[in-house]
């Protein structure tokens, strides 16, 4: 199994190094709003697009662009600072974090057994998905999502309710799928998000919390996968910059015990 037709969009909003493997396609998200920031890569404002929604949909504008404008057999999305990680121990020990990124050859091996690849689950341990969201963001967004699912896709409500009670989920809006699954997921996801944003105007929040459609989609991916019994493989993620675990950990605990919502990404 070699030479697969794979395109993985790398969502980028500023100049930054990116993986050199040819299956990775840097995509300038929000290009319609800030065309001057990145001028030498593909913009999410070409063809059928939702580039202007980037302040709310974040990396999903790259996902939408890939769905509508790319016909590769396998499609995926990662972030300019977060990729799927190589399974190679030698590569994972490299001082250059970009050396630790999943390669085409490694991915093709994985795709021989799974048409869908997701990031390893994040586990919250002392929080459920619902309580973590309630403490860090605005819980009415979860309630409106359930109402929209009842209206548009009632067969997914049970999977939504089950997910919110769990303490782990696949997050980051990262996935690699065969074309049929990728397109089916996008066809399901985006109408739901568009309807939610008609009920809750993202512009009523701060810039950080206005990105709630992107956060809801992290949860909805799990719902779609579980409800449709999609078989998948998991791969850890690699962050291309050192993580400030102190800030991340204290932010989590402040949200849990002192009801202090997040006001920035960690």
Protein backbone atom coordinates (compact mmCIF):
# COMPACT_ATOMS: atom_id res chain seq x y z
CA UNK A 1 0.00 0.00 0.00
CA UNK A 2 2.02 2.97 -1.19
CA UNK A 3 1.68 6.25 -2.97
CA UNK A 4 -1.73 7.02 -1.53
CA UNK A 5 -3.43 10.26 -2.56
CA UNK A 6 -3.39 12.14 0.77
CA UNK A 7 -3.89 15.82 1.59
CA UNK A 8 -3.68 17.02 5.19
CA UNK A 9 -4.44 20.70 5.67
CA UNK A 10 -2.19 22.50 8.14
CA UNK A 11 -4.25 25.38 9.53
CA UNK A 12 -2.02 28.47 9.72
CA UNK A 13 -2.83 32.08 10.61
CA UNK A 14 0.70 33.52 10.73
CA UNK A 15 4.17 32.80 9.31
CA UNK A 16 5.52 29.64 10.90
CA UNK A 17 7.63 26.63 9.97
CA UNK A 18 5.66 23.66 8.74
CA UNK A 19 6.18 19.98 7.98
CA UNK A 20 7.97 19.46 4.68
CA UNK A 21 6.30 16.14 3.82
CA UNK A 22 4.32 16.69 0.61
CA UNK A 23 1.10 15.28 2.05
CA UNK A 24 0.87 18.34 4.31
CA UNK A 25 -0.75 21.37 2.67
CA UNK A 26 -0.38 24.67 4.61
CA UNK A 27 -3.67 26.57 4.44
CA UNK A 28 -3.98 30.22 5.46
CA UNK A 29 -7.10 30.37 7.62
CA UNK A 30 -8.96 33.66 7.74
CA UNK A 31 -7.28 34.69 4.48
CA UNK A 32 -10.30 36.73 3.44
CA UNK A 33 -9.93 38.89 6.56
CA UNK A 34 -6.12 39.15 6.68
CA UNK A 35 -4.78 38.46 3.17
CA UNK A 36 -1.50 40.24 3.87
CA UNK A 37 -0.40 37.89 6.68
CA UNK A 38 0.46 34.91 4.49
CA UNK A 39 0.82 35.42 0.77
CA UNK A 40 2.71 32.34 -0.39
CA UNK A 41 0.40 29.49 0.65
CA UNK A 42 -3.11 28.32 -0.20
CA UNK A 43 -5.80 30.56 1.25
CA UNK A 44 -9.07 29.31 2.73
CA UNK A 45 -10.79 32.09 0.74
CA UNK A 46 -10.56 30.36 -2.64
CA UNK A 47 -13.33 28.34 -4.24
CA UNK A 48 -16.28 27.43 -2.02
CA UNK A 49 -15.29 28.74 1.40
CA UNK A 50 -16.26 30.19 4.79
CA UNK A 51 -13.05 32.17 5.31
CA UNK A 52 -14.87 35.14 6.85
CA UNK A 53 -16.12 32.92 9.68
CA UNK A 54 -12.58 32.14 10.85
CA UNK A 55 -12.81 34.29 14.03
CA UNK A 56 -15.55 31.88 15.14
CA UNK A 57 -14.78 28.61 13.35
CA UNK A 58 -10.97 28.69 13.75
CA UNK A 59 -9.29 25.79 11.97
CA UNK A 60 -12.65 24.57 10.70
CA UNK A 61 -12.43 27.07 7.84
CA UNK A 62 -9.52 24.96 6.55
CA UNK A 63 -11.56 21.80 7.03
CA UNK A 64 -14.46 23.31 5.11
CA UNK A 65 -12.12 24.43 2.32
CA UNK A 66 -10.64 20.93 2.06
CA UNK A 67 -14.09 19.38 1.96
CA UNK A 68 -15.33 21.63 -0.82
CA UNK A 69 -12.18 22.12 -2.91
CA UNK A 70 -10.03 18.99 -2.64
CA UNK A 71 -10.75 15.52 -4.00
CA UNK A 72 -7.91 13.49 -2.48
CA UNK A 73 -8.64 9.89 -1.50
CA UNK A 74 -7.65 10.69 2.10
CA UNK A 75 -8.10 14.07 3.74
CA UNK A 76 -7.17 15.43 7.14
CA UNK A 77 -6.55 18.47 9.27
CA UNK A 78 -3.83 19.39 11.76
CA UNK A 79 -2.57 22.67 13.23
CA UNK A 80 0.53 24.73 12.59
CA UNK A 81 1.78 23.87 16.10
CA UNK A 82 0.09 20.50 16.67
CA UNK A 83 0.49 17.42 14.46
CA UNK A 84 0.06 13.70 14.74
CA UNK A 85 3.23 12.18 16.17
CA UNK A 86 5.53 9.61 14.61
CA UNK A 87 5.43 6.16 16.22
CA UNK A 88 9.22 5.95 15.86
CA UNK A 89 11.04 6.12 19.21
CA UNK A 90 14.16 7.40 17.45
CA UNK A 91 12.21 10.27 15.88
CA UNK A 92 10.37 11.06 19.12
CA UNK A 93 13.74 11.59 20.84
CA UNK A 94 14.88 14.13 18.23
CA UNK A 95 15.69 17.62 19.51
CA UNK A 96 13.94 19.02 16.43
CA UNK A 97 10.24 18.73 17.17
CA UNK A 98 9.39 18.80 13.46
CA UNK A 99 11.33 15.54 13.11
CA UNK A 100 8.76 13.95 15.42
CA UNK A 101 5.82 14.51 13.06
CA UNK A 102 4.01 11.59 11.44
CA UNK A 103 5.39 10.91 7.95
CA UNK A 104 3.59 9.76 4.83
CA UNK A 105 5.14 6.30 5.02
CA UNK A 106 4.09 5.91 8.66
CA UNK A 107 0.57 7.13 7.90
CA UNK A 108 0.17 4.76 4.96
CA UNK A 109 1.04 1.88 7.28
CA UNK A 110 -1.67 3.02 9.69
CA UNK A 111 -4.22 3.45 6.89
CA UNK A 112 -3.68 -0.15 5.85
CA UNK A 113 -5.73 -1.09 8.94
CA UNK A 114 -7.87 1.99 9.59
CA UNK A 115 -9.61 4.42 7.25
CA UNK A 116 -9.90 6.96 10.07
CA UNK A 117 -7.14 8.25 12.36
CA UNK A 118 -7.92 10.33 15.45
CA UNK A 119 -5.74 11.85 18.18
CA UNK A 120 -5.41 9.85 21.37
CA UNK A 121 -8.09 10.76 23.88
CA UNK A 122 -7.57 13.55 26.38
CA UNK A 123 -8.55 12.40 29.87
CA UNK A 124 -9.84 14.84 32.48
CA UNK A 125 -10.05 12.42 35.45
CA UNK A 126 -11.68 14.85 37.95
CA UNK A 127 -14.09 16.36 35.42
CA UNK A 128 -16.71 15.12 33.02
CA UNK A 129 -16.83 16.61 29.53
CA UNK A 130 -19.89 18.56 30.63
CA UNK A 131 -18.47 19.92 33.90
CA UNK A 132 -15.16 20.87 32.27
CA UNK A 133 -16.96 22.84 29.57
CA UNK A 134 -19.28 24.42 32.15
CA UNK A 135 -16.31 25.59 34.23
CA UNK A 136 -14.16 26.85 31.36
CA UNK A 137 -16.65 28.14 28.75
CA UNK A 138 -20.39 28.93 28.54
CA UNK A 139 -22.61 25.93 29.18
CA UNK A 140 -25.59 27.29 27.23
CA UNK A 141 -23.64 26.37 24.12
CA UNK A 142 -23.92 22.70 25.07
CA UNK A 143 -27.64 23.05 25.70
CA UNK A 144 -28.24 24.74 22.36
CA UNK A 145 -26.21 22.05 20.62
CA UNK A 146 -28.46 19.37 22.08
CA UNK A 147 -31.55 21.30 20.98
CA UNK A 148 -30.19 21.64 17.44
CA UNK A 149 -29.39 17.94 17.33
CA UNK A 150 -32.96 17.19 18.42
CA UNK A 151 -34.20 19.30 15.50
CA UNK A 152 -31.73 18.25 12.81
CA UNK A 153 -30.30 14.87 13.76
CA UNK A 154 -32.29 13.35 16.66
CA UNK A 155 -30.62 9.97 16.20
CA UNK A 156 -27.41 11.54 17.56
CA UNK A 157 -28.86 12.93 20.81
CA UNK A 158 -28.20 9.76 22.79
CA UNK A 159 -24.53 9.77 21.72
CA UNK A 160 -24.30 13.47 22.70
CA UNK A 161 -25.76 12.79 26.15
CA UNK A 162 -23.43 9.85 26.67
CA UNK A 163 -20.36 11.84 25.66
CA UNK A 164 -21.04 14.69 28.09
CA UNK A 165 -21.01 12.23 30.99
CA UNK A 166 -17.63 10.82 30.02
CA UNK A 167 -14.22 11.97 31.28
CA UNK A 168 -12.32 11.63 28.01
CA UNK A 169 -12.68 12.54 24.34
CA UNK A 170 -10.78 13.01 21.10
CA UNK A 171 -10.20 16.76 20.86
CA UNK A 172 -8.11 19.32 18.91
CA UNK A 173 -10.21 19.11 15.71
CA UNK A 174 -7.63 16.79 14.23
CA UNK A 175 -8.48 13.80 12.05
CA UNK A 176 -7.42 11.94 8.93
CA UNK A 177 -10.15 10.09 7.02
CA UNK A 178 -10.84 8.42 3.74
CA UNK A 179 -12.69 10.76 1.40
CA UNK A 180 -16.11 9.19 1.94
CA UNK A 181 -15.95 9.51 5.72
CA UNK A 182 -14.38 12.99 5.65
CA UNK A 183 -17.04 14.32 3.30
CA UNK A 184 -19.86 12.63 5.18
CA UNK A 185 -18.67 14.08 8.48
CA UNK A 186 -18.39 17.61 7.06
CA UNK A 187 -21.79 17.35 5.41
CA UNK A 188 -23.24 16.47 8.81
CA UNK A 189 -21.21 18.88 10.95
CA UNK A 190 -21.35 22.25 9.24
CA UNK A 191 -25.15 22.64 8.95
CA UNK A 192 -25.40 21.89 12.67
CA UNK A 193 -22.78 24.53 13.54
CA UNK A 194 -24.38 27.10 11.23
CA UNK A 195 -27.72 26.61 12.98
CA UNK A 196 -26.17 26.89 16.44
CA UNK A 197 -24.51 30.19 15.49
CA UNK A 198 -27.87 31.52 14.33
CA UNK A 199 -29.17 30.83 17.84
CA UNK A 200 -26.09 32.09 19.71
CA UNK A 201 -24.30 34.92 17.93
CA UNK A 202 -20.55 34.36 18.46
CA UNK A 203 -19.98 38.11 18.21
CA UNK A 204 -21.63 38.58 21.61
CA UNK A 205 -18.60 36.98 23.29
CA UNK A 206 -14.98 38.02 23.70
CA UNK A 207 -12.65 37.05 20.85
CA UNK A 208 -11.53 33.97 22.80
CA UNK A 209 -15.02 32.70 23.60
CA UNK A 210 -16.35 33.65 20.15
CA UNK A 211 -14.50 30.60 18.87
CA UNK A 212 -17.05 28.33 20.48
CA UNK A 213 -18.17 26.67 17.18
CA UNK A 214 -14.67 25.25 16.87
CA UNK A 215 -14.83 23.91 20.42
CA UNK A 216 -18.24 22.33 19.93
CA UNK A 217 -16.98 20.56 16.84
CA UNK A 218 -14.34 18.81 18.95
CA UNK A 219 -17.20 17.19 20.85
CA UNK A 220 -19.37 16.62 17.80
CA UNK A 221 -16.61 14.63 16.11
CA UNK A 222 -16.82 12.11 18.94
CA UNK A 223 -20.60 12.00 18.62
CA UNK A 224 -20.47 11.34 14.87
CA UNK A 225 -17.79 8.66 15.25
CA UNK A 226 -19.57 6.87 18.09
CA UNK A 227 -23.10 7.06 16.72
CA UNK A 228 -22.02 5.74 13.33
CA UNK A 229 -19.78 3.03 14.81
CA UNK A 230 -16.81 4.26 12.77
CA UNK A 231 -13.73 2.10 13.24
CA UNK A 232 -10.60 4.18 13.83
CA UNK A 233 -7.01 4.13 14.97
CA UNK A 234 -5.46 6.61 17.38
CA UNK A 235 -2.14 8.42 17.29
CA UNK A 236 -0.61 10.72 19.94
CA UNK A 237 -0.08 14.37 19.07
CA UNK A 238 3.10 16.43 19.05
CA UNK A 239 3.22 20.12 19.94
CA UNK A 240 6.00 21.92 18.11
CA UNK A 241 6.68 24.32 21.00
CA UNK A 242 7.40 23.58 24.67
CA UNK A 243 4.15 23.37 26.65
CA UNK A 244 3.75 25.55 29.75
CA UNK A 245 2.25 22.84 31.93
CA UNK A 246 2.18 25.09 34.99
CA UNK A 247 -0.13 27.62 33.33
CA UNK A 248 -2.23 24.87 31.81
CA UNK A 249 -2.57 23.00 35.09
CA UNK A 250 -3.31 26.05 37.24
CA UNK A 251 -5.85 27.28 34.67
CA UNK A 252 -7.60 23.91 34.81
CA UNK A 253 -7.71 23.92 38.62
CA UNK A 254 -8.90 27.54 38.83
CA UNK A 255 -11.75 26.69 36.48
CA UNK A 256 -12.64 23.56 38.44
CA UNK A 257 -12.54 24.97 41.96
CA UNK A 258 -12.92 28.74 41.58
CA UNK A 259 -15.24 28.94 38.56
CA UNK A 260 -12.71 31.05 36.65
CA UNK A 261 -13.42 30.56 32.96
CA UNK A 262 -10.59 30.40 30.47
CA UNK A 263 -9.75 33.69 28.79
CA UNK A 264 -6.95 32.50 26.47
CA UNK A 265 -5.51 29.36 24.95
CA UNK A 266 -2.63 27.66 26.76
